[in-house]
């Protein structure tokens, strides 16, 4: 199921964001690894975003280690 997105944080400005495109877990982890190699000033990781209700309650998205 495609429910993972790429979350990123700039090491220069501290700006963060989460992409809107969804991926399979394996594909998201691979893409995060590739993006980290191509853009060393930005940390990317595959995340499974929380449901909108959980986000309103302040629950953090679950994160996976990308290797």
PDB file of N, CA and C in Angstrom:
ATOM      1  N   UNK A   1       0.842  -1.182   0.000  1.00  0.00           N
ATOM      2  CA  UNK A   1       0.000   0.000   0.000  1.00  0.00           C
ATOM      3  C   UNK A   1       0.887   1.246   0.000  1.00  0.00           C
ATOM      4  N   UNK A   2       0.539   2.192  -0.805  1.00  0.00           N
ATOM      5  CA  UNK A   2       1.319   3.421  -0.923  1.00  0.00           C
ATOM      6  C   UNK A   2       0.882   4.410   0.150  1.00  0.00           C
ATOM      7  N   UNK A   3       1.534   4.347   1.307  1.00  0.00           N
ATOM      8  CA  UNK A   3       1.169   5.281   2.373  1.00  0.00           C
ATOM      9  C   UNK A   3       2.389   5.944   3.002  1.00  0.00           C
ATOM     10  N   UNK A   4       3.536   5.882   2.337  1.00  0.00           N
ATOM     11  CA  UNK A   4       4.739   6.547   2.843  1.00  0.00           C
ATOM     12  C   UNK A   4       5.028   7.775   1.993  1.00  0.00           C
ATOM     13  N   UNK A   5       5.561   8.797   2.650  1.00  0.00           N
ATOM     14  CA  UNK A   5       5.933  10.040   1.986  1.00  0.00           C
ATOM     15  C   UNK A   5       7.369  10.371   2.376  1.00  0.00           C
ATOM     16  N   UNK A   6       7.935  11.369   1.717  1.00  0.00           N
ATOM     17  CA  UNK A   6       9.285  11.828   2.044  1.00  0.00           C
ATOM     18  C   UNK A   6       9.172  13.093   2.892  1.00  0.00           C
ATOM     19  N   UNK A   7       9.735  13.009   4.099  1.00  0.00           N
ATOM     20  CA  UNK A   7       9.803  14.174   4.986  1.00  0.00           C
ATOM     21  C   UNK A   7      11.221  14.718   4.885  1.00  0.00           C
ATOM     22  N   UNK A   8      11.372  16.036   4.877  1.00  0.00           N
ATOM     23  CA  UNK A   8      12.695  16.626   4.717  1.00  0.00           C
ATOM     24  C   UNK A   8      12.883  17.781   5.681  1.00  0.00           C
ATOM     25  N   UNK A   9      14.159  18.053   5.960  1.00  0.00           N
ATOM     26  CA  UNK A   9      14.522  19.198   6.793  1.00  0.00           C
ATOM     27  C   UNK A   9      15.823  19.782   6.267  1.00  0.00           C
ATOM     28  N   UNK A  10      15.831  21.085   6.035  1.00  0.00           N
ATOM     29  CA  UNK A  10      17.029  21.781   5.579  1.00  0.00           C
ATOM     30  C   UNK A  10      17.979  21.991   6.753  1.00  0.00           C
ATOM     31  N   UNK A  11      19.224  21.588   6.593  1.00  0.00           N
ATOM     32  CA  UNK A  11      20.241  21.820   7.614  1.00  0.00           C
ATOM     33  C   UNK A  11      20.716  23.270   7.603  1.00  0.00           C
ATOM     34  N   UNK A  12      20.390  24.017   6.567  1.00  0.00           N
ATOM     35  CA  UNK A  12      20.820  25.400   6.430  1.00  0.00           C
ATOM     36  C   UNK A  12      19.804  26.347   7.075  1.00  0.00           C
ATOM     37  N   UNK A  13      18.522  26.183   6.713  1.00  0.00           N
ATOM     38  CA  UNK A  13      17.498  27.116   7.189  1.00  0.00           C
ATOM     39  C   UNK A  13      16.609  26.544   8.292  1.00  0.00           C
ATOM     40  N   UNK A  14      16.612  25.221   8.444  1.00  0.00           N
ATOM     41  CA  UNK A  14      15.741  24.586   9.422  1.00  0.00           C
ATOM     42  C   UNK A  14      14.324  24.359   8.919  1.00  0.00           C
ATOM     43  N   UNK A  15      14.065  24.763   7.688  1.00  0.00           N
ATOM     44  CA  UNK A  15      12.749  24.568   7.091  1.00  0.00           C
ATOM     45  C   UNK A  15      12.465  23.082   6.941  1.00  0.00           C
ATOM     46  N   UNK A  16      11.213  22.683   7.194  1.00  0.00           N
ATOM     47  CA  UNK A  16      10.825  21.284   7.053  1.00  0.00           C
ATOM     48  C   UNK A  16       9.590  21.164   6.173  1.00  0.00           C
ATOM     49  N   UNK A  17       9.357  19.966   5.687  1.00  0.00           N
ATOM     50  CA  UNK A  17       8.163  19.710   4.898  1.00  0.00           C
ATOM     51  C   UNK A  17       7.998  18.223   4.656  1.00  0.00           C
ATOM     52  N   UNK A  18       6.826  17.866   4.191  1.00  0.00           N
ATOM     53  CA  UNK A  18       6.536  16.485   3.836  1.00  0.00           C
ATOM     54  C   UNK A  18       5.892  16.493   2.467  1.00  0.00           C
ATOM     55  N   UNK A  19       6.435  15.674   1.579  1.00  0.00           N
ATOM     56  CA  UNK A  19       5.894  15.590   0.228  1.00  0.00           C
ATOM     57  C   UNK A  19       4.484  15.042   0.215  1.00  0.00           C
ATOM     58  N   UNK A  20       3.769  15.307  -0.859  1.00  0.00           N
ATOM     59  CA  UNK A  20       2.390  14.847  -0.971  1.00  0.00           C
ATOM     60  C   UNK A  20       2.268  13.547  -1.743  1.00  0.00           C
ATOM     61  N   UNK A  21       3.294  13.176  -2.498  1.00  0.00           N
ATOM     62  CA  UNK A  21       3.246  11.938  -3.265  1.00  0.00           C
ATOM     63  C   UNK A  21       3.473  10.756  -2.327  1.00  0.00           C
ATOM     64  N   UNK A  22       2.719   9.675  -2.510  1.00  0.00           N
ATOM     65  CA  UNK A  22       2.811   8.493  -1.658  1.00  0.00           C
ATOM     66  C   UNK A  22       3.533   7.360  -2.383  1.00  0.00           C
ATOM     67  N   UNK A  23       4.283   6.574  -1.604  1.00  0.00           N
ATOM     68  CA  UNK A  23       5.092   5.483  -2.124  1.00  0.00           C
ATOM     69  C   UNK A  23       4.909   4.235  -1.273  1.00  0.00           C
ATOM     70  N   UNK A  24       5.286   3.101  -1.835  1.00  0.00           N
ATOM     71  CA  UNK A  24       5.441   1.885  -1.041  1.00  0.00           C
ATOM     72  C   UNK A  24       6.617   2.144  -0.101  1.00  0.00           C
ATOM     73  N   UNK A  25       6.652   1.472   1.047  1.00  0.00           N
ATOM     74  CA  UNK A  25       7.698   1.694   2.044  1.00  0.00           C
ATOM     75  C   UNK A  25       9.091   1.541   1.444  1.00  0.00           C
ATOM     76  N   UNK A  26       9.323   0.456   0.733  1.00  0.00           N
ATOM     77  CA  UNK A  26      10.638   0.175   0.146  1.00  0.00           C
ATOM     78  C   UNK A  26      11.058   1.281  -0.820  1.00  0.00           C
ATOM     79  N   UNK A  27      10.129   1.738  -1.653  1.00  0.00           N
ATOM     80  CA  UNK A  27      10.439   2.787  -2.623  1.00  0.00           C
ATOM     81  C   UNK A  27      10.713   4.122  -1.937  1.00  0.00           C
ATOM     82  N   UNK A  28       9.966   4.430  -0.891  1.00  0.00           N
ATOM     83  CA  UNK A  28      10.180   5.681  -0.160  1.00  0.00           C
ATOM     84  C   UNK A  28      11.539   5.681   0.525  1.00  0.00           C
ATOM     85  N   UNK A  29      11.920   4.562   1.109  1.00  0.00           N
ATOM     86  CA  UNK A  29      13.231   4.475   1.772  1.00  0.00           C
ATOM     87  C   UNK A  29      14.367   4.601   0.758  1.00  0.00           C
ATOM     88  N   UNK A  30      14.204   3.977  -0.407  1.00  0.00           N
ATOM     89  CA  UNK A  30      15.222   4.076  -1.455  1.00  0.00           C
ATOM     90  C   UNK A  30      15.338   5.519  -1.947  1.00  0.00           C
ATOM     91  N   UNK A  31      14.209   6.170  -2.171  1.00  0.00           N
ATOM     92  CA  UNK A  31      14.218   7.555  -2.642  1.00  0.00           C
ATOM     93  C   UNK A  31      14.839   8.487  -1.612  1.00  0.00           C
ATOM     94  N   UNK A  32      14.527   8.304  -0.336  1.00  0.00           N
ATOM     95  CA  UNK A  32      15.117   9.138   0.709  1.00  0.00           C
ATOM     96  C   UNK A  32      16.637   8.996   0.716  1.00  0.00           C
ATOM     97  N   UNK A  33      17.124   7.780   0.550  1.00  0.00           N
ATOM     98  CA  UNK A  33      18.567   7.548   0.497  1.00  0.00           C
ATOM     99  C   UNK A  33      19.187   8.271  -0.697  1.00  0.00           C
ATOM    100  N   UNK A  34      18.546   8.166  -1.866  1.00  0.00           N
ATOM    101  CA  UNK A  34      19.048   8.839  -3.069  1.00  0.00           C
ATOM    102  C   UNK A  34      19.045  10.361  -2.893  1.00  0.00           C
ATOM    103  N   UNK A  35      17.977  10.894  -2.326  1.00  0.00           N
ATOM    104  CA  UNK A  35      17.887  12.342  -2.118  1.00  0.00           C
ATOM    105  C   UNK A  35      18.943  12.825  -1.134  1.00  0.00           C
ATOM    106  N   UNK A  36      19.220  12.047  -0.096  1.00  0.00           N
ATOM    107  CA  UNK A  36      20.255  12.430   0.868  1.00  0.00           C
ATOM    108  C   UNK A  36      21.633  12.472   0.214  1.00  0.00           C
ATOM    109  N   UNK A  37      21.869  11.591  -0.743  1.00  0.00           N
ATOM    110  CA  UNK A  37      23.157  11.610  -1.455  1.00  0.00           C
ATOM    111  C   UNK A  37      23.239  12.791  -2.415  1.00  0.00           C
ATOM    112  N   UNK A  38      22.136  13.108  -3.077  1.00  0.00           N
ATOM    113  CA  UNK A  38      22.125  14.200  -4.054  1.00  0.00           C
ATOM    114  C   UNK A  38      22.067  15.581  -3.414  1.00  0.00           C
ATOM    115  N   UNK A  39      21.442  15.668  -2.250  1.00  0.00           N
ATOM    116  CA  UNK A  39      21.252  16.951  -1.564  1.00  0.00           C
ATOM    117  C   UNK A  39      21.728  16.834  -0.117  1.00  0.00           C
ATOM    118  N   UNK A  40      23.045  16.908   0.110  1.00  0.00           N
ATOM    119  CA  UNK A  40      23.584  16.679   1.458  1.00  0.00           C
ATOM    120  C   UNK A  40      23.176  17.725   2.504  1.00  0.00           C
ATOM    121  N   UNK A  41      22.712  18.886   2.084  1.00  0.00           N
ATOM    122  CA  UNK A  41      22.289  19.918   3.048  1.00  0.00           C
ATOM    123  C   UNK A  41      20.840  19.750   3.492  1.00  0.00           C
ATOM    124  N   UNK A  42      20.186  18.702   2.995  1.00  0.00           N
ATOM    125  CA  UNK A  42      18.795  18.439   3.370  1.00  0.00           C
ATOM    126  C   UNK A  42      18.692  16.988   3.816  1.00  0.00           C
ATOM    127  N   UNK A  43      18.118  16.768   4.992  1.00  0.00           N
ATOM    128  CA  UNK A  43      17.889  15.416   5.494  1.00  0.00           C
ATOM    129  C   UNK A  43      16.517  14.945   5.029  1.00  0.00           C
ATOM    130  N   UNK A  44      16.490  13.782   4.383  1.00  0.00           N
ATOM    131  CA  UNK A  44      15.239  13.197   3.905  1.00  0.00           C
ATOM    132  C   UNK A  44      15.006  11.883   4.624  1.00  0.00           C
ATOM    133  N   UNK A  45      13.747  11.571   4.906  1.00  0.00           N
ATOM    134  CA  UNK A  45      13.430  10.263   5.464  1.00  0.00           C
ATOM    135  C   UNK A  45      12.031   9.841   5.044  1.00  0.00           C
ATOM    136  N   UNK A  46      11.857   8.520   4.947  1.00  0.00           N
ATOM    137  CA  UNK A  46      10.550   7.970   4.615  1.00  0.00           C
ATOM    138  C   UNK A  46       9.698   7.967   5.876  1.00  0.00           C
ATOM    139  N   UNK A  47       8.495   8.505   5.762  1.00  0.00           N
ATOM    140  CA  UNK A  47       7.590   8.538   6.914  1.00  0.00           C
ATOM    141  C   UNK A  47       6.218   8.026   6.501  1.00  0.00           C
ATOM    142  N   UNK A  48       5.537   7.460   7.466  1.00  0.00           N
ATOM    143  CA  UNK A  48       4.156   7.066   7.274  1.00  0.00           C
ATOM    144  C   UNK A  48       3.319   8.106   8.011  1.00  0.00           C
ATOM    145  N   UNK A  49       2.745   9.056   7.283  1.00  0.00           N
ATOM    146  CA  UNK A  49       2.025  10.150   7.934  1.00  0.00           C
ATOM    147  C   UNK A  49       0.879   9.647   8.806  1.00  0.00           C
ATOM    148  N   UNK A  50       0.662  10.348   9.908  1.00  0.00           N
ATOM    149  CA  UNK A  50      -0.444  10.032  10.809  1.00  0.00           C
ATOM    150  C   UNK A  50      -1.751  10.422  10.142  1.00  0.00           C
ATOM    151  N   UNK A  51      -2.815   9.855  10.603  1.00  0.00           N
ATOM    152  CA  UNK A  51      -4.130  10.221  10.085  1.00  0.00           C
ATOM    153  C   UNK A  51      -4.419  11.678  10.451  1.00  0.00           C
ATOM    154  N   UNK A  52      -5.299  12.351   9.717  1.00  0.00           N
ATOM    155  CA  UNK A  52      -5.612  13.753  10.048  1.00  0.00           C
ATOM    156  C   UNK A  52      -6.071  13.925  11.491  1.00  0.00           C
ATOM    157  N   UNK A  53      -6.825  12.986  12.025  1.00  0.00           N
ATOM    158  CA  UNK A  53      -7.287  13.089  13.412  1.00  0.00           C
ATOM    159  C   UNK A  53      -6.112  13.026  14.376  1.00  0.00           C
ATOM    160  N   UNK A  54      -5.145  12.147  14.089  1.00  0.00           N
ATOM    161  CA  UNK A  54      -3.971  12.032  14.950  1.00  0.00           C
ATOM    162  C   UNK A  54      -3.127  13.300  14.871  1.00  0.00           C
ATOM    163  N   UNK A  55      -3.026  13.891  13.693  1.00  0.00           N
ATOM    164  CA  UNK A  55      -2.253  15.125  13.547  1.00  0.00           C
ATOM    165  C   UNK A  55      -2.884  16.249  14.361  1.00  0.00           C
ATOM    166  N   UNK A  56      -4.205  16.324  14.371  1.00  0.00           N
ATOM    167  CA  UNK A  56      -4.884  17.351  15.154  1.00  0.00           C
ATOM    168  C   UNK A  56      -4.644  17.163  16.642  1.00  0.00           C
ATOM    169  N   UNK A  57      -4.461  15.914  17.053  1.00  0.00           N
ATOM    170  CA  UNK A  57      -4.224  15.624  18.472  1.00  0.00           C
ATOM    171  C   UNK A  57      -2.759  15.802  18.842  1.00  0.00           C
ATOM    172  N   UNK A  58      -1.918  16.099  17.866  1.00  0.00           N
ATOM    173  CA  UNK A  58      -0.506  16.323  18.140  1.00  0.00           C
ATOM    174  C   UNK A  58       0.336  15.063  18.145  1.00  0.00           C
ATOM    175  N   UNK A  59      -0.148  13.985  17.564  1.00  0.00           N
ATOM    176  CA  UNK A  59       0.611  12.738  17.501  1.00  0.00           C
ATOM    177  C   UNK A  59       1.623  12.848  16.378  1.00  0.00           C
ATOM    178  N   UNK A  60       2.866  12.476  16.656  1.00  0.00           N
ATOM    179  CA  UNK A  60       3.924  12.530  15.653  1.00  0.00           C
ATOM    180  C   UNK A  60       3.786  11.372  14.677  1.00  0.00           C
ATOM    181  N   UNK A  61       4.126  11.567  13.385  1.00  0.00           N
ATOM    182  CA  UNK A  61       4.087  10.469  12.439  1.00  0.00           C
ATOM    183  C   UNK A  61       5.130   9.418  12.808  1.00  0.00           C
ATOM    184  N   UNK A  62       4.818   8.171  12.494  1.00  0.00           N
ATOM    185  CA  UNK A  62       5.810   7.124  12.734  1.00  0.00           C
ATOM    186  C   UNK A  62       6.871   7.236  11.657  1.00  0.00           C
ATOM    187  N   UNK A  63       8.111   7.022  12.056  1.00  0.00           N
ATOM    188  CA  UNK A  63       9.222   7.190  11.123  1.00  0.00           C
ATOM    189  C   UNK A  63       9.959   5.882  10.970  1.00  0.00           C
ATOM    190  N   UNK A  64      10.544   5.709   9.785  1.00  0.00           N
ATOM    191  CA  UNK A  64      11.336   4.520   9.530  1.00  0.00           C
ATOM    192  C   UNK A  64      12.761   4.945   9.274  1.00  0.00           C
ATOM    193  N   UNK A  65      13.678   4.123   9.649  1.00  0.00           N
ATOM    194  CA  UNK A  65      15.092   4.417   9.395  1.00  0.00           C
ATOM    195  C   UNK A  65      15.368   4.110   7.934  1.00  0.00           C
ATOM    196  N   UNK A  66      15.983   5.027   7.251  1.00  0.00           N
ATOM    197  CA  UNK A  66      16.364   4.758   5.863  1.00  0.00           C
ATOM    198  C   UNK A  66      17.844   4.432   5.837  1.00  0.00           C
ATOM    199  N   UNK A  67      18.145   3.339   5.172  1.00  0.00           N
ATOM    200  CA  UNK A  67      19.547   2.927   5.113  1.00  0.00           C
ATOM    201  C   UNK A  67      19.972   2.653   3.709  1.00  0.00           C
TER     202      UNK A  67
END
